[in-house]
Every structure is written in structure tokens, then in C-alpha cells.
Amino acid sequence: MRSIRQFASLSSLEESSAHETVWVAKYGQLGIAGEALYRDELQLLQTNPFAEHLNKAFEIAGIEYGRADFGIYKGRVQIYEINTNPMINGPAPHPFAVREESTRLCWERYLEALRALDSGGGWPVGLPNGTLQRRRVRTNFFVRTRPTA
């Protein structure tokens, strides 16, 4: 069985990867990813080898904030899309400690990048009741990775 791996990056910070056996690698398939793939993911997060390519794509697109979904084909970065309103999941428990470390590192970098954007001034903006509603409330439906069985 061939495994397909899709990556996602917020600007030039690797966010996560999903593992599937079909070309749509959006949510991850139970039982595909093992500890070796999660170790590889952590190494990619630590070294960020795709930053130059991804930064160039964001620059060409004129997008300062977004999540690029991409893969590697024949050794080359292939960008599928840049989502300018991405859903962001915080750290969650996982059976593999190395995956929890990757998630922690991603979350830490993401919050660091948001703090860098904060101007430090201003005040809270009040919204009338009912203006905002919860999105995607189904528990674990949009989890990007699934542990092996």
C-alpha cells in the first residue's frame, strides 16, 4: 500500500502533515503513520528545509498570512493552495510522544509569530451577541493526523 503525505505550513512555519493512501491527504488515515514518520516530521520542523520555496510562493501570491498545503513530488515542492483563513488546531494528546513534541513546537512557533504581529496598542473590539458562531463543532472530525491502531 502506497502512503501519500501532505504537508501544511503557516507562512514558512511547517504546521503538520497528514498521511493517506489516496491523493486527498486532508485529515489523515488511521493506522498509516507510525513513529518513524513522526520522527521525520519533527526533523522537518526543526530544520524547515522548505522555507525558501514557501516564502517565495507567499511573496508571489502577495499573501502575508495563510496556510500553504503542499507536497513533495520527485524531490520538488508542489504547492496545492494557500488558504488565507485556515483552521488552526492547538495541541492535543497523541499516543506518540514525538508527535506531541512536533505539535508543541508548531504551536509555540505559531503563537510566537502572532505575538510578533501584535502592535501592542489598541483595545478589545466588542461584537453584538450572535455575531460569531462556533464553526466545525464535531469533535475530532478535522484532526490532521491519526495515530496508528
Protein backbone atom coordinates (compact mmCIF):
# COMPACT_ATOMS: atom_id res chain seq x y z
CA MET A 1 0.00 0.00 0.00
CA ARG A 2 1.44 3.35 -1.03
CA SER A 3 1.25 6.14 1.53
CA ILE A 4 0.73 9.76 0.45
CA ARG A 5 1.93 12.57 2.65
CA GLN A 6 0.67 16.14 2.51
CA PHE A 7 2.22 18.99 4.46
CA ALA A 8 0.76 22.29 5.63
CA SER A 9 2.70 25.41 6.52
CA LEU A 10 1.69 28.71 8.05
CA SER A 11 3.80 31.17 6.09
CA SER A 12 7.21 29.47 6.43
CA LEU A 13 6.48 27.51 9.63
CA GLU A 14 5.75 23.84 8.99
CA GLU A 15 2.48 23.07 10.71
CA SER A 16 1.68 19.43 10.30
CA SER A 17 1.38 16.54 7.95
CA ALA A 18 -1.41 14.14 7.08
CA HIS A 19 -0.91 10.59 5.86
CA GLU A 20 -3.28 8.83 3.44
CA THR A 21 -3.38 6.08 0.83
CA VAL A 22 -5.37 8.25 -1.60
CA TRP A 23 -4.43 11.57 -3.19
CA VAL A 24 -6.68 13.64 -0.89
CA ALA A 25 -4.50 13.81 2.23
CA LYS A 26 -6.63 16.16 4.26
CA TYR A 27 -7.47 14.54 7.60
CA GLY A 28 -5.12 11.57 7.88
CA GLN A 29 -6.00 7.90 7.82
CA LEU A 30 -5.95 5.74 10.93
CA GLY A 31 -3.03 3.30 11.00
CA ILE A 32 -0.91 4.85 8.23
CA ALA A 33 1.56 6.94 10.25
CA GLY A 34 4.00 5.30 12.62
CA GLU A 35 6.73 6.59 14.87
CA ALA A 36 9.30 6.78 12.04
CA LEU A 37 7.11 9.19 10.04
CA TYR A 38 6.50 11.31 13.13
CA ARG A 39 10.26 11.45 13.80
CA ASP A 40 10.80 12.57 10.21
CA GLU A 41 8.11 15.21 10.68
CA LEU A 42 9.87 16.54 13.80
CA GLN A 43 13.17 16.73 11.92
CA LEU A 44 11.47 18.67 9.12
CA LEU A 45 10.00 21.06 11.69
CA GLN A 46 13.39 21.59 13.29
CA THR A 47 15.27 22.16 10.00
CA ASN A 48 12.49 23.79 7.93
CA PRO A 49 14.01 22.77 4.55
CA PHE A 50 11.08 24.10 2.50
CA ALA A 51 11.08 27.66 3.90
CA GLU A 52 12.72 29.27 0.86
CA HIS A 53 10.21 27.76 -1.58
CA LEU A 54 7.22 28.55 0.62
CA ASN A 55 8.31 32.11 1.34
CA LYS A 56 8.65 32.68 -2.41
CA ALA A 57 5.12 31.34 -3.02
CA PHE A 58 3.65 33.62 -0.34
CA GLU A 59 5.59 36.55 -1.82
CA ILE A 60 4.42 35.85 -5.39
CA ALA A 61 0.83 35.48 -4.20
CA GLY A 62 1.05 38.69 -2.14
CA ILE A 63 -0.17 36.83 0.96
CA GLU A 64 1.26 37.70 4.37
CA TYR A 65 -0.78 35.24 6.41
CA GLY A 66 -2.12 31.90 5.32
CA ARG A 67 -1.56 28.16 5.31
CA ALA A 68 0.05 26.57 2.28
CA ASP A 69 -0.88 22.97 1.59
CA PHE A 70 1.97 21.28 -0.24
CA GLY A 71 3.68 18.02 -1.01
CA ILE A 72 6.97 16.81 -2.42
CA TYR A 73 6.99 15.21 -5.88
CA LYS A 74 10.23 13.96 -7.41
CA GLY A 75 12.13 15.99 -4.84
CA ARG A 76 10.37 19.27 -5.64
CA VAL A 77 7.92 21.29 -3.55
CA GLN A 78 4.42 21.24 -5.08
CA ILE A 79 2.06 23.84 -3.60
CA TYR A 80 -1.62 22.94 -3.89
CA GLU A 81 -3.17 26.05 -2.38
CA ILE A 82 -2.70 28.87 0.10
CA ASN A 83 -5.69 29.16 2.42
CA THR A 84 -5.97 32.71 3.76
CA ASN A 85 -8.44 31.75 6.51
CA PRO A 86 -7.06 28.44 7.82
CA MET A 87 -8.50 26.47 10.70
CA ILE A 88 -5.84 26.21 13.40
CA ASN A 89 -5.88 23.38 15.93
CA GLY A 90 -3.98 23.64 19.19
CA PRO A 91 -2.01 20.80 20.74
CA ALA A 92 -3.92 17.62 21.53
CA PRO A 93 -2.97 14.35 23.24
CA HIS A 94 -1.41 11.76 20.93
CA PRO A 95 -0.13 8.21 21.52
CA PHE A 96 3.30 9.08 20.07
CA ALA A 97 5.38 11.43 22.22
CA VAL A 98 7.35 12.58 19.17
CA ARG A 99 4.08 13.74 17.53
CA GLU A 100 3.16 15.66 20.68
CA GLU A 101 6.58 17.34 20.54
CA SER A 102 6.01 18.31 16.88
CA THR A 103 2.60 19.72 17.72
CA ARG A 104 4.01 21.64 20.70
CA LEU A 105 6.80 23.08 18.54
CA CYS A 106 4.32 24.13 15.82
CA TRP A 107 2.01 25.75 18.33
CA GLU A 108 4.89 27.57 20.05
CA ARG A 109 6.12 28.97 16.71
CA TYR A 110 2.62 29.93 15.66
CA LEU A 111 1.96 31.88 18.87
CA GLU A 112 5.40 33.50 18.60
CA ALA A 113 4.57 34.67 15.07
CA LEU A 114 1.20 36.06 16.22
CA ARG A 115 2.89 37.95 19.06
CA ALA A 116 5.28 39.48 16.51
CA LEU A 117 2.25 40.77 14.55
CA ASP A 118 0.63 42.33 17.62
CA SER A 119 1.10 46.09 17.59
CA GLY A 120 0.81 46.28 21.37
CA GLY A 121 -1.76 49.08 21.25
CA GLY A 122 -5.45 49.29 20.78
CA TRP A 123 -8.37 47.94 22.73
CA PRO A 124 -10.77 45.00 22.59
CA VAL A 125 -13.48 45.23 19.96
CA GLY A 126 -16.96 44.42 21.22
CA LEU A 127 -19.32 42.46 18.98
CA PRO A 128 -23.08 42.17 19.39
CA ASN A 129 -24.34 38.84 20.71
CA GLY A 130 -24.84 36.27 17.99
CA THR A 131 -22.36 37.86 15.58
CA LEU A 132 -19.91 35.00 15.92
CA GLN A 133 -20.89 31.35 15.93
CA ARG A 134 -18.90 28.20 16.59
CA ARG A 135 -17.54 26.51 13.48
CA ARG A 136 -16.89 22.84 12.95
CA VAL A 137 -18.16 21.64 16.28
CA ARG A 138 -17.95 17.91 15.54
CA THR A 139 -15.32 16.50 17.88
CA ASN A 140 -12.19 15.17 16.18
CA PHE A 141 -13.65 15.49 12.69
CA PHE A 142 -10.94 17.85 11.48
CA VAL A 143 -7.95 16.24 13.17
CA ARG A 144 -4.97 16.42 10.80
CA THR A 145 -3.29 13.24 11.90
CA ARG A 146 -4.47 9.93 13.18
CA PRO A 147 -2.35 7.57 15.28
CA THR A 148 -1.69 4.01 14.24
CA ALA A 149 -4.08 1.45 15.65
